[in-house]
Amino acid sequence: MKKILVISLLVIAALIIGVLTFIVGAIKFFIGGISLGALIVVTLILWLAWKVSD
């Protein structure tokens, strides 16, 4: 009985770590997407400013 309890706790801990890892990865993915969008907007503004000055 004690062996099953220990294995169950280890499986539950592994699932919790997996879910937390997924959440952290998703947050980093969204932050990266926002940063990429900001980079595209800044690059577009820079390009338009360079085109208008010609």
Protein backbone atom coordinates (compact mmCIF):
# COMPACT_ATOMS: atom_id res chain seq x y z
CA MET A 1 0.00 0.00 0.00
CA LYS A 2 2.82 2.40 0.88
CA LYS A 3 4.52 1.66 -2.46
CA ILE A 4 1.37 2.60 -4.41
CA LEU A 5 1.03 5.81 -2.39
CA VAL A 6 4.62 6.85 -3.15
CA ILE A 7 4.23 6.09 -6.86
CA SER A 8 0.95 8.03 -6.95
CA LEU A 9 2.56 11.05 -5.31
CA LEU A 10 5.46 10.94 -7.78
CA VAL A 11 3.06 10.76 -10.74
CA ILE A 12 1.01 13.68 -9.38
CA ALA A 13 4.19 15.71 -8.83
CA ALA A 14 5.34 14.95 -12.39
CA LEU A 15 1.96 16.09 -13.77
CA ILE A 16 2.08 19.33 -11.77
CA ILE A 17 5.62 20.06 -12.99
CA GLY A 18 4.55 19.33 -16.57
CA VAL A 19 1.57 21.68 -16.36
CA LEU A 20 3.64 24.47 -14.79
CA THR A 21 6.32 24.04 -17.46
CA PHE A 22 3.63 24.31 -20.16
CA ILE A 23 2.20 27.48 -18.57
CA VAL A 24 5.64 29.12 -18.36
CA GLY A 25 6.31 28.17 -21.99
CA ALA A 26 2.98 29.64 -23.10
CA ILE A 27 3.69 32.90 -21.26
CA LYS A 28 7.13 33.15 -22.89
CA PHE A 29 5.55 32.41 -26.29
CA PHE A 30 3.02 35.25 -25.90
CA ILE A 31 5.68 37.68 -24.67
CA GLY A 32 7.83 36.72 -27.66
CA GLY A 33 4.90 37.30 -30.01
CA ILE A 34 4.24 40.73 -28.53
CA SER A 35 7.94 41.61 -28.82
CA LEU A 36 8.02 40.44 -32.43
CA GLY A 37 4.94 42.55 -33.22
CA ALA A 38 6.55 45.62 -31.64
CA LEU A 39 9.73 44.99 -33.65
CA ILE A 40 7.71 44.80 -36.88
CA VAL A 41 5.86 48.05 -36.07
CA VAL A 42 9.10 49.89 -35.23
CA THR A 43 10.75 48.59 -38.40
CA LEU A 44 7.75 49.72 -40.47
CA ILE A 45 7.86 53.20 -38.90
CA LEU A 46 11.59 53.43 -39.55
CA TRP A 47 11.14 52.33 -43.16
CA LEU A 48 8.30 54.81 -43.74
CA ALA A 49 10.34 57.65 -42.22
CA TRP A 50 13.27 56.72 -44.50
CA LYS A 51 10.97 56.62 -47.57
CA VAL A 52 9.30 59.97 -46.81
CA SER A 53 12.62 61.81 -46.44
CA ASP A 54 13.63 60.92 -50.05
